[in-house]
């Protein structure tokens, strides 16, 4: 039973072994899709640039406020030290001349 029966050449299967290749898209459709993609990409880049600018402005503002707070704190500390009572000078002994 290892023998396969002969198949006539005119006998073709109703189901093809491979799907036929898809028809190429029209040139106008391809160009329209490319233009749409370019417009979407440009819009996305614009939105991203705007977000990055806002982020940079926020970071610069926070950095400026932080530096200002440090400056005010330093000035307050320096002014606090200048208002403190100064320590009195130590009393020195008078030098007594030796009598010979």
PDB file of N, CA and C in Angstrom:
ATOM      1  N   UNK A   1       0.795  -1.175   0.000  1.00  0.00           N
ATOM      2  CA  UNK A   1       0.000   0.000   0.000  1.00  0.00           C
ATOM      3  C   UNK A   1       0.850   1.257   0.000  1.00  0.00           C
ATOM      4  N   UNK A   2       2.033   1.204  -0.334  1.00  0.00           N
ATOM      5  CA  UNK A   2       2.866   2.384  -0.401  1.00  0.00           C
ATOM      6  C   UNK A   2       2.711   3.105  -1.724  1.00  0.00           C
ATOM      7  N   UNK A   3       1.924   2.574  -2.583  1.00  0.00           N
ATOM      8  CA  UNK A   3       1.740   3.188  -3.901  1.00  0.00           C
ATOM      9  C   UNK A   3       0.615   4.224  -3.820  1.00  0.00           C
ATOM     10  N   UNK A   4       0.891   5.476  -4.338  1.00  0.00           N
ATOM     11  CA  UNK A   4      -0.162   6.508  -4.390  1.00  0.00           C
ATOM     12  C   UNK A   4      -0.795   6.464  -5.770  1.00  0.00           C
ATOM     13  N   UNK A   5      -2.058   6.627  -5.844  1.00  0.00           N
ATOM     14  CA  UNK A   5      -2.712   6.549  -7.148  1.00  0.00           C
ATOM     15  C   UNK A   5      -2.336   7.749  -8.016  1.00  0.00           C
ATOM     16  N   UNK A   6      -2.283   7.599  -9.303  1.00  0.00           N
ATOM     17  CA  UNK A   6      -1.950   8.722 -10.178  1.00  0.00           C
ATOM     18  C   UNK A   6      -3.068   9.764 -10.171  1.00  0.00           C
ATOM     19  N   UNK A   7      -2.683  11.051 -10.268  1.00  0.00           N
ATOM     20  CA  UNK A   7      -3.639  12.166 -10.261  1.00  0.00           C
ATOM     21  C   UNK A   7      -3.576  12.816 -11.637  1.00  0.00           C
ATOM     22  N   UNK A   8      -4.713  12.982 -12.312  1.00  0.00           N
ATOM     23  CA  UNK A   8      -4.683  13.614 -13.621  1.00  0.00           C
ATOM     24  C   UNK A   8      -4.276  15.088 -13.521  1.00  0.00           C
ATOM     25  N   UNK A   9      -3.670  15.627 -14.593  1.00  0.00           N
ATOM     26  CA  UNK A   9      -3.212  17.017 -14.589  1.00  0.00           C
ATOM     27  C   UNK A   9      -4.364  18.012 -14.495  1.00  0.00           C
ATOM     28  N   UNK A  10      -5.485  17.702 -15.021  1.00  0.00           N
ATOM     29  CA  UNK A  10      -6.633  18.613 -15.019  1.00  0.00           C
ATOM     30  C   UNK A  10      -7.314  18.679 -13.660  1.00  0.00           C
ATOM     31  N   UNK A  11      -6.953  17.766 -12.782  1.00  0.00           N
ATOM     32  CA  UNK A  11      -7.571  17.733 -11.459  1.00  0.00           C
ATOM     33  C   UNK A  11      -6.837  18.717 -10.534  1.00  0.00           C
ATOM     34  N   UNK A  12      -7.409  19.871 -10.280  1.00  0.00           N
ATOM     35  CA  UNK A  12      -6.811  20.868  -9.390  1.00  0.00           C
ATOM     36  C   UNK A  12      -7.682  21.020  -8.151  1.00  0.00           C
ATOM     37  N   UNK A  13      -7.049  21.305  -7.067  1.00  0.00           N
ATOM     38  CA  UNK A  13      -7.774  21.475  -5.814  1.00  0.00           C
ATOM     39  C   UNK A  13      -8.552  22.786  -5.845  1.00  0.00           C
ATOM     40  N   UNK A  14      -9.726  22.833  -5.271  1.00  0.00           N
ATOM     41  CA  UNK A  14     -10.466  24.103  -5.236  1.00  0.00           C
ATOM     42  C   UNK A  14      -9.848  25.103  -4.253  1.00  0.00           C
ATOM     43  N   UNK A  15      -8.973  24.649  -3.375  1.00  0.00           N
ATOM     44  CA  UNK A  15      -8.316  25.510  -2.401  1.00  0.00           C
ATOM     45  C   UNK A  15      -6.852  25.669  -2.803  1.00  0.00           C
ATOM     46  N   UNK A  16      -6.407  26.875  -3.116  1.00  0.00           N
ATOM     47  CA  UNK A  16      -5.004  27.044  -3.511  1.00  0.00           C
ATOM     48  C   UNK A  16      -4.071  26.857  -2.312  1.00  0.00           C
ATOM     49  N   UNK A  17      -2.862  26.431  -2.589  1.00  0.00           N
ATOM     50  CA  UNK A  17      -1.887  26.203  -1.518  1.00  0.00           C
ATOM     51  C   UNK A  17      -1.387  27.538  -0.929  1.00  0.00           C
ATOM     52  N   UNK A  18      -1.261  28.554  -1.751  1.00  0.00           N
ATOM     53  CA  UNK A  18      -0.813  29.864  -1.283  1.00  0.00           C
ATOM     54  C   UNK A  18      -1.826  30.911  -1.711  1.00  0.00           C
ATOM     55  N   UNK A  19      -1.977  31.923  -0.866  1.00  0.00           N
ATOM     56  CA  UNK A  19      -2.905  33.008  -1.203  1.00  0.00           C
ATOM     57  C   UNK A  19      -2.263  33.859  -2.290  1.00  0.00           C
ATOM     58  N   UNK A  20      -3.052  34.362  -3.205  1.00  0.00           N
ATOM     59  CA  UNK A  20      -2.474  35.216  -4.251  1.00  0.00           C
ATOM     60  C   UNK A  20      -1.950  36.506  -3.636  1.00  0.00           C
ATOM     61  N   UNK A  21      -0.906  37.096  -4.212  1.00  0.00           N
ATOM     62  CA  UNK A  21      -0.369  38.342  -3.645  1.00  0.00           C
ATOM     63  C   UNK A  21      -1.403  39.455  -3.733  1.00  0.00           C
ATOM     64  N   UNK A  22      -1.417  40.336  -2.748  1.00  0.00           N
ATOM     65  CA  UNK A  22      -2.413  41.416  -2.774  1.00  0.00           C
ATOM     66  C   UNK A  22      -2.094  42.386  -3.912  1.00  0.00           C
ATOM     67  N   UNK A  23      -3.087  43.007  -4.468  1.00  0.00           N
ATOM     68  CA  UNK A  23      -2.838  43.965  -5.549  1.00  0.00           C
ATOM     69  C   UNK A  23      -2.117  45.193  -4.989  1.00  0.00           C
ATOM     70  N   UNK A  24      -1.215  45.788  -5.747  1.00  0.00           N
ATOM     71  CA  UNK A  24      -0.492  46.963  -5.234  1.00  0.00           C
ATOM     72  C   UNK A  24      -1.457  48.131  -5.037  1.00  0.00           C
ATOM     73  N   UNK A  25      -1.250  48.926  -3.973  1.00  0.00           N
ATOM     74  CA  UNK A  25      -2.151  50.060  -3.730  1.00  0.00           C
ATOM     75  C   UNK A  25      -1.951  51.129  -4.798  1.00  0.00           C
ATOM     76  N   UNK A  26      -2.951  51.904  -4.990  1.00  0.00           N
ATOM     77  CA  UNK A  26      -2.875  52.980  -5.977  1.00  0.00           C
ATOM     78  C   UNK A  26      -1.863  54.020  -5.517  1.00  0.00           C
ATOM     79  N   UNK A  27      -1.225  54.681  -6.464  1.00  0.00           N
ATOM     80  CA  UNK A  27      -0.189  55.660  -6.155  1.00  0.00           C
ATOM     81  C   UNK A  27      -0.758  56.834  -5.359  1.00  0.00           C
ATOM     82  N   UNK A  28      -1.963  57.246  -5.690  1.00  0.00           N
ATOM     83  CA  UNK A  28      -2.573  58.376  -4.979  1.00  0.00           C
ATOM     84  C   UNK A  28      -2.818  58.033  -3.517  1.00  0.00           C
ATOM     85  N   UNK A  29      -3.262  56.778  -3.247  1.00  0.00           N
ATOM     86  CA  UNK A  29      -3.485  56.368  -1.859  1.00  0.00           C
ATOM     87  C   UNK A  29      -2.175  56.360  -1.086  1.00  0.00           C
ATOM     88  N   UNK A  30      -1.121  55.889  -1.714  1.00  0.00           N
ATOM     89  CA  UNK A  30       0.183  55.832  -1.053  1.00  0.00           C
ATOM     90  C   UNK A  30       0.680  57.232  -0.716  1.00  0.00           C
ATOM     91  N   UNK A  31       0.544  58.153  -1.647  1.00  0.00           N
ATOM     92  CA  UNK A  31       0.982  59.525  -1.401  1.00  0.00           C
ATOM     93  C   UNK A  31       0.121  60.186  -0.326  1.00  0.00           C
ATOM     94  N   UNK A  32      -1.164  59.906  -0.322  1.00  0.00           N
ATOM     95  CA  UNK A  32      -2.045  60.490   0.693  1.00  0.00           C
ATOM     96  C   UNK A  32      -1.680  59.969   2.077  1.00  0.00           C
ATOM     97  N   UNK A  33      -1.403  58.659   2.168  1.00  0.00           N
ATOM     98  CA  UNK A  33      -0.994  58.102   3.467  1.00  0.00           C
ATOM     99  C   UNK A  33       0.325  58.702   3.941  1.00  0.00           C
ATOM    100  N   UNK A  34       1.274  58.881   3.012  1.00  0.00           N
ATOM    101  CA  UNK A  34       2.568  59.473   3.376  1.00  0.00           C
ATOM    102  C   UNK A  34       2.384  60.909   3.861  1.00  0.00           C
ATOM    103  N   UNK A  35       1.514  61.667   3.210  1.00  0.00           N
ATOM    104  CA  UNK A  35       1.255  63.044   3.637  1.00  0.00           C
ATOM    105  C   UNK A  35       0.593  63.066   5.011  1.00  0.00           C
ATOM    106  N   UNK A  36      -0.336  62.150   5.251  1.00  0.00           N
ATOM    107  CA  UNK A  36      -0.996  62.067   6.560  1.00  0.00           C
ATOM    108  C   UNK A  36       0.008  61.740   7.655  1.00  0.00           C
ATOM    109  N   UNK A  37       0.880  60.779   7.370  1.00  0.00           N
ATOM    110  CA  UNK A  37       1.910  60.420   8.371  1.00  0.00           C
ATOM    111  C   UNK A  37       2.829  61.595   8.657  1.00  0.00           C
ATOM    112  N   UNK A  38       3.231  62.320   7.608  1.00  0.00           N
ATOM    113  CA  UNK A  38       4.111  63.470   7.803  1.00  0.00           C
ATOM    114  C   UNK A  38       3.409  64.545   8.631  1.00  0.00           C
ATOM    115  N   UNK A  39       2.129  64.778   8.375  1.00  0.00           N
ATOM    116  CA  UNK A  39       1.382  65.777   9.143  1.00  0.00           C
ATOM    117  C   UNK A  39       1.240  65.346  10.600  1.00  0.00           C
ATOM    118  N   UNK A  40       0.953  64.075  10.836  1.00  0.00           N
ATOM    119  CA  UNK A  40       0.832  63.578  12.208  1.00  0.00           C
ATOM    120  C   UNK A  40       2.170  63.673  12.939  1.00  0.00           C
ATOM    121  N   UNK A  41       3.250  63.350  12.250  1.00  0.00           N
ATOM    122  CA  UNK A  41       4.568  63.403  12.873  1.00  0.00           C
ATOM    123  C   UNK A  41       4.934  64.852  13.209  1.00  0.00           C
ATOM    124  N   UNK A  42       4.641  65.782  12.310  1.00  0.00           N
ATOM    125  CA  UNK A  42       4.932  67.192  12.574  1.00  0.00           C
ATOM    126  C   UNK A  42       4.120  67.696  13.769  1.00  0.00           C
ATOM    127  N   UNK A  43       2.860  67.294  13.846  1.00  0.00           N
ATOM    128  CA  UNK A  43       2.017  67.707  14.982  1.00  0.00           C
ATOM    129  C   UNK A  43       2.549  67.113  16.286  1.00  0.00           C
ATOM    130  N   UNK A  44       2.971  65.857  16.244  1.00  0.00           N
ATOM    131  CA  UNK A  44       3.505  65.213  17.445  1.00  0.00           C
ATOM    132  C   UNK A  44       4.796  65.892  17.888  1.00  0.00           C
ATOM    133  N   UNK A  45       5.662  66.256  16.948  1.00  0.00           N
ATOM    134  CA  UNK A  45       6.909  66.939  17.296  1.00  0.00           C
ATOM    135  C   UNK A  45       6.627  68.312  17.892  1.00  0.00           C
ATOM    136  N   UNK A  46       5.617  69.004  17.362  1.00  0.00           N
ATOM    137  CA  UNK A  46       5.254  70.319  17.884  1.00  0.00           C
ATOM    138  C   UNK A  46       4.762  70.205  19.324  1.00  0.00           C
ATOM    139  N   UNK A  47       3.918  69.217  19.585  1.00  0.00           N
ATOM    140  CA  UNK A  47       3.393  69.010  20.939  1.00  0.00           C
ATOM    141  C   UNK A  47       4.532  68.651  21.891  1.00  0.00           C
ATOM    142  N   UNK A  48       5.443  67.794  21.427  1.00  0.00           N
ATOM    143  CA  UNK A  48       6.564  67.393  22.279  1.00  0.00           C
ATOM    144  C   UNK A  48       7.478  68.583  22.578  1.00  0.00           C
ATOM    145  N   UNK A  49       7.732  69.435  21.579  1.00  0.00           N
ATOM    146  CA  UNK A  49       8.565  70.614  21.793  1.00  0.00           C
ATOM    147  C   UNK A  49       7.911  71.570  22.788  1.00  0.00           C
ATOM    148  N   UNK A  50       6.584  71.709  22.702  1.00  0.00           N
ATOM    149  CA  UNK A  50       5.872  72.591  23.629  1.00  0.00           C
ATOM    150  C   UNK A  50       5.946  72.050  25.058  1.00  0.00           C
ATOM    151  N   UNK A  51       5.778  70.743  25.213  1.00  0.00           N
ATOM    152  CA  UNK A  51       5.875  70.147  26.552  1.00  0.00           C
ATOM    153  C   UNK A  51       7.277  70.312  27.119  1.00  0.00           C
ATOM    154  N   UNK A  52       8.286  70.130  26.270  1.00  0.00           N
ATOM    155  CA  UNK A  52       9.667  70.265  26.742  1.00  0.00           C
ATOM    156  C   UNK A  52       9.951  71.705  27.156  1.00  0.00           C
ATOM    157  N   UNK A  53       9.418  72.672  26.404  1.00  0.00           N
ATOM    158  CA  UNK A  53       9.608  74.077  26.756  1.00  0.00           C
ATOM    159  C   UNK A  53       8.955  74.389  28.094  1.00  0.00           C
ATOM    160  N   UNK A  54       7.723  73.909  28.297  1.00  0.00           N
ATOM    161  CA  UNK A  54       7.037  74.129  29.572  1.00  0.00           C
ATOM    162  C   UNK A  54       7.822  73.516  30.722  1.00  0.00           C
ATOM    163  N   UNK A  55       8.351  72.324  30.500  1.00  0.00           N
ATOM    164  CA  UNK A  55       9.139  71.645  31.535  1.00  0.00           C
ATOM    165  C   UNK A  55      10.385  72.464  31.872  1.00  0.00           C
ATOM    166  N   UNK A  56      11.066  72.996  30.847  1.00  0.00           N
ATOM    167  CA  UNK A  56      12.265  73.785  31.083  1.00  0.00           C
ATOM    168  C   UNK A  56      11.943  75.074  31.833  1.00  0.00           C
ATOM    169  N   UNK A  57      10.812  75.694  31.509  1.00  0.00           N
ATOM    170  CA  UNK A  57      10.419  76.923  32.211  1.00  0.00           C
ATOM    171  C   UNK A  57      10.140  76.614  33.678  1.00  0.00           C
ATOM    172  N   UNK A  58       9.467  75.512  33.946  1.00  0.00           N
ATOM    173  CA  UNK A  58       9.157  75.129  35.331  1.00  0.00           C
ATOM    174  C   UNK A  58      10.449  74.846  36.096  1.00  0.00           C
ATOM    175  N   UNK A  59      11.375  74.103  35.478  1.00  0.00           N
ATOM    176  CA  UNK A  59      12.639  73.805  36.156  1.00  0.00           C
ATOM    177  C   UNK A  59      13.441  75.076  36.438  1.00  0.00           C
ATOM    178  N   UNK A  60      13.467  75.999  35.488  1.00  0.00           N
ATOM    179  CA  UNK A  60      14.196  77.254  35.691  1.00  0.00           C
ATOM    180  C   UNK A  60      13.559  78.071  36.809  1.00  0.00           C
ATOM    181  N   UNK A  61      12.242  78.082  36.862  1.00  0.00           N
ATOM    182  CA  UNK A  61      11.547  78.826  37.917  1.00  0.00           C
ATOM    183  C   UNK A  61      11.846  78.219  39.287  1.00  0.00           C
ATOM    184  N   UNK A  62      11.783  76.916  39.376  1.00  0.00           N
ATOM    185  CA  UNK A  62      12.068  76.245  40.651  1.00  0.00           C
ATOM    186  C   UNK A  62      13.511  76.495  41.073  1.00  0.00           C
ATOM    187  N   UNK A  63      14.433  76.439  40.120  1.00  0.00           N
ATOM    188  CA  UNK A  63      15.835  76.688  40.448  1.00  0.00           C
ATOM    189  C   UNK A  63      16.025  78.126  40.926  1.00  0.00           C
ATOM    190  N   UNK A  64      15.379  79.085  40.270  1.00  0.00           N
ATOM    191  CA  UNK A  64      15.489  80.482  40.689  1.00  0.00           C
ATOM    192  C   UNK A  64      14.929  80.709  42.079  1.00  0.00           C
ATOM    193  N   UNK A  65      13.789  80.114  42.357  1.00  0.00           N
ATOM    194  CA  UNK A  65      13.182  80.247  43.693  1.00  0.00           C
ATOM    195  C   UNK A  65      14.094  79.610  44.733  1.00  0.00           C
ATOM    196  N   UNK A  66      14.660  78.474  44.425  1.00  0.00           N
ATOM    197  CA  UNK A  66      15.560  77.805  45.371  1.00  0.00           C
ATOM    198  C   UNK A  66      16.787  78.643  45.682  1.00  0.00           C
ATOM    199  N   UNK A  67      17.377  79.237  44.645  1.00  0.00           N
ATOM    200  CA  UNK A  67      18.550  80.090  44.869  1.00  0.00           C
ATOM    201  C   UNK A  67      18.155  81.310  45.689  1.00  0.00           C
ATOM    202  N   UNK A  68      16.985  81.873  45.410  1.00  0.00           N
ATOM    203  CA  UNK A  68      16.522  83.028  46.190  1.00  0.00           C
ATOM    204  C   UNK A  68      16.310  82.679  47.653  1.00  0.00           C
ATOM    205  N   UNK A  69      15.742  81.518  47.908  1.00  0.00           N
ATOM    206  CA  UNK A  69      15.521  81.084  49.293  1.00  0.00           C
ATOM    207  C   UNK A  69      16.861  80.908  50.011  1.00  0.00           C
ATOM    208  N   UNK A  70      17.815  80.315  49.323  1.00  0.00           N
ATOM    209  CA  UNK A  70      19.137  80.153  49.941  1.00  0.00           C
ATOM    210  C   UNK A  70      19.783  81.505  50.230  1.00  0.00           C
ATOM    211  N   UNK A  71      19.641  82.462  49.333  1.00  0.00           N
ATOM    212  CA  UNK A  71      20.224  83.788  49.544  1.00  0.00           C
ATOM    213  C   UNK A  71      19.574  84.482  50.739  1.00  0.00           C
ATOM    214  N   UNK A  72      18.252  84.430  50.820  1.00  0.00           N
ATOM    215  CA  UNK A  72      17.552  85.058  51.948  1.00  0.00           C
ATOM    216  C   UNK A  72      17.946  84.376  53.258  1.00  0.00           C
ATOM    217  N   UNK A  73      18.035  83.066  53.247  1.00  0.00           N
ATOM    218  CA  UNK A  73      18.446  82.354  54.461  1.00  0.00           C
ATOM    219  C   UNK A  73      19.855  82.731  54.889  1.00  0.00           C
ATOM    220  N   UNK A  74      20.752  82.846  53.942  1.00  0.00           N
ATOM    221  CA  UNK A  74      22.119  83.255  54.274  1.00  0.00           C
ATOM    222  C   UNK A  74      22.172  84.662  54.839  1.00  0.00           C
ATOM    223  N   UNK A  75      21.399  85.575  54.230  1.00  0.00           N
ATOM    224  CA  UNK A  75      21.368  86.943  54.756  1.00  0.00           C
ATOM    225  C   UNK A  75      20.781  86.984  56.159  1.00  0.00           C
ATOM    226  N   UNK A  76      19.749  86.198  56.404  1.00  0.00           N
ATOM    227  CA  UNK A  76      19.165  86.178  57.752  1.00  0.00           C
ATOM    228  C   UNK A  76      20.159  85.638  58.767  1.00  0.00           C
ATOM    229  N   UNK A  77      20.897  84.615  58.389  1.00  0.00           N
ATOM    230  CA  UNK A  77      21.895  84.079  59.316  1.00  0.00           C
ATOM    231  C   UNK A  77      23.006  85.083  59.587  1.00  0.00           C
ATOM    232  N   UNK A  78      23.446  85.789  58.553  1.00  0.00           N
ATOM    233  CA  UNK A  78      24.499  86.786  58.752  1.00  0.00           C
ATOM    234  C   UNK A  78      23.994  87.951  59.599  1.00  0.00           C
ATOM    235  N   UNK A  79      22.773  88.390  59.368  1.00  0.00           N
ATOM    236  CA  UNK A  79      22.244  89.517  60.140  1.00  0.00           C
ATOM    237  C   UNK A  79      21.990  89.097  61.588  1.00  0.00           C
ATOM    238  N   UNK A  80      21.659  87.864  61.796  1.00  0.00           N
ATOM    239  CA  UNK A  80      21.432  87.368  63.154  1.00  0.00           C
ATOM    240  C   UNK A  80      22.721  87.402  63.957  1.00  0.00           C
ATOM    241  N   UNK A  81      23.827  87.054  63.321  1.00  0.00           N
ATOM    242  CA  UNK A  81      25.118  87.074  64.011  1.00  0.00           C
ATOM    243  C   UNK A  81      25.560  88.498  64.334  1.00  0.00           C
ATOM    244  N   UNK A  82      25.270  89.466  63.493  1.00  0.00           N
ATOM    245  CA  UNK A  82      25.729  90.838  63.734  1.00  0.00           C
ATOM    246  C   UNK A  82      24.926  91.497  64.850  1.00  0.00           C
ATOM    247  N   UNK A  83      23.707  91.064  65.104  1.00  0.00           N
ATOM    248  CA  UNK A  83      22.884  91.650  66.157  1.00  0.00           C
ATOM    249  C   UNK A  83      23.161  91.018  67.523  1.00  0.00           C
ATOM    250  N   UNK A  84      23.889  89.938  67.558  1.00  0.00           N
ATOM    251  CA  UNK A  84      24.175  89.268  68.824  1.00  0.00           C
ATOM    252  C   UNK A  84      25.112  90.142  69.654  1.00  0.00           C
ATOM    253  N   UNK A  85      24.954  90.115  70.962  1.00  0.00           N
ATOM    254  CA  UNK A  85      25.853  90.930  71.794  1.00  0.00           C
ATOM    255  C   UNK A  85      27.278  90.414  71.658  1.00  0.00           C
ATOM    256  N   UNK A  86      28.179  91.366  71.593  1.00  0.00           N
ATOM    257  CA  UNK A  86      29.569  90.986  71.414  1.00  0.00           C
ATOM    258  C   UNK A  86      30.152  90.599  72.770  1.00  0.00           C
ATOM    259  N   UNK A  87      31.060  89.690  72.734  1.00  0.00           N
ATOM    260  CA  UNK A  87      31.688  89.226  73.975  1.00  0.00           C
ATOM    261  C   UNK A  87      32.601  90.322  74.502  1.00  0.00           C
ATOM    262  N   UNK A  88      32.597  90.446  75.818  1.00  0.00           N
ATOM    263  CA  UNK A  88      33.447  91.473  76.425  1.00  0.00           C
ATOM    264  C   UNK A  88      34.894  91.015  76.365  1.00  0.00           C
ATOM    265  N   UNK A  89      35.744  92.018  76.269  1.00  0.00           N
ATOM    266  CA  UNK A  89      37.167  91.695  76.250  1.00  0.00           C
ATOM    267  C   UNK A  89      37.586  91.272  77.644  1.00  0.00           C
ATOM    268  N   UNK A  90      38.506  90.369  77.687  1.00  0.00           N
ATOM    269  CA  UNK A  90      38.999  89.917  78.988  1.00  0.00           C
ATOM    270  C   UNK A  90      39.807  91.032  79.650  1.00  0.00           C
ATOM    271  N   UNK A  91      39.637  91.099  80.909  1.00  0.00           N
ATOM    272  CA  UNK A  91      40.388  92.105  81.651  1.00  0.00           C
ATOM    273  C   UNK A  91      41.837  91.650  81.746  1.00  0.00           C
ATOM    274  N   UNK A  92      42.707  92.559  81.415  1.00  0.00           N
ATOM    275  CA  UNK A  92      44.126  92.213  81.489  1.00  0.00           C
ATOM    276  C   UNK A  92      44.714  92.808  82.766  1.00  0.00           C
ATOM    277  N   UNK A  93      45.647  92.105  83.284  1.00  0.00           N
ATOM    278  CA  UNK A  93      46.338  92.621  84.471  1.00  0.00           C
ATOM    279  C   UNK A  93      47.279  93.730  84.093  1.00  0.00           C
ATOM    280  N   UNK A  94      47.359  94.634  84.978  1.00  0.00           N
ATOM    281  CA  UNK A  94      48.293  95.716  84.739  1.00  0.00           C
ATOM    282  C   UNK A  94      49.680  95.194  85.078  1.00  0.00           C
ATOM    283  N   UNK A  95      50.579  95.591  84.262  1.00  0.00           N
ATOM    284  CA  UNK A  95      51.951  95.171  84.525  1.00  0.00           C
ATOM    285  C   UNK A  95      52.519  96.067  85.645  1.00  0.00           C
ATOM    286  N   UNK A  96      53.064  95.418  86.581  1.00  0.00           N
ATOM    287  CA  UNK A  96      53.638  96.127  87.718  1.00  0.00           C
ATOM    288  C   UNK A  96      55.147  96.176  87.507  1.00  0.00           C
ATOM    289  N   UNK A  97      55.699  97.350  87.624  1.00  0.00           N
ATOM    290  CA  UNK A  97      57.131  97.471  87.441  1.00  0.00           C
ATOM    291  C   UNK A  97      57.826  96.921  88.662  1.00  0.00           C
ATOM    292  N   UNK A  98      58.849  96.194  88.429  1.00  0.00           N
ATOM    293  CA  UNK A  98      59.593  95.604  89.539  1.00  0.00           C
ATOM    294  C   UNK A  98      60.480  96.644  90.161  1.00  0.00           C
ATOM    295  N   UNK A  99      60.495  96.646  91.471  1.00  0.00           N
ATOM    296  CA  UNK A  99      61.341  97.573  92.193  1.00  0.00           C
ATOM    297  C   UNK A  99      62.651  96.861  92.490  1.00  0.00           C
ATOM    298  N   UNK A 100      63.670  97.556  92.200  1.00  0.00           N
ATOM    299  CA  UNK A 100      64.963  96.937  92.417  1.00  0.00           C
ATOM    300  C   UNK A 100      65.573  97.336  93.725  1.00  0.00           C
TER     301      UNK A 100
END
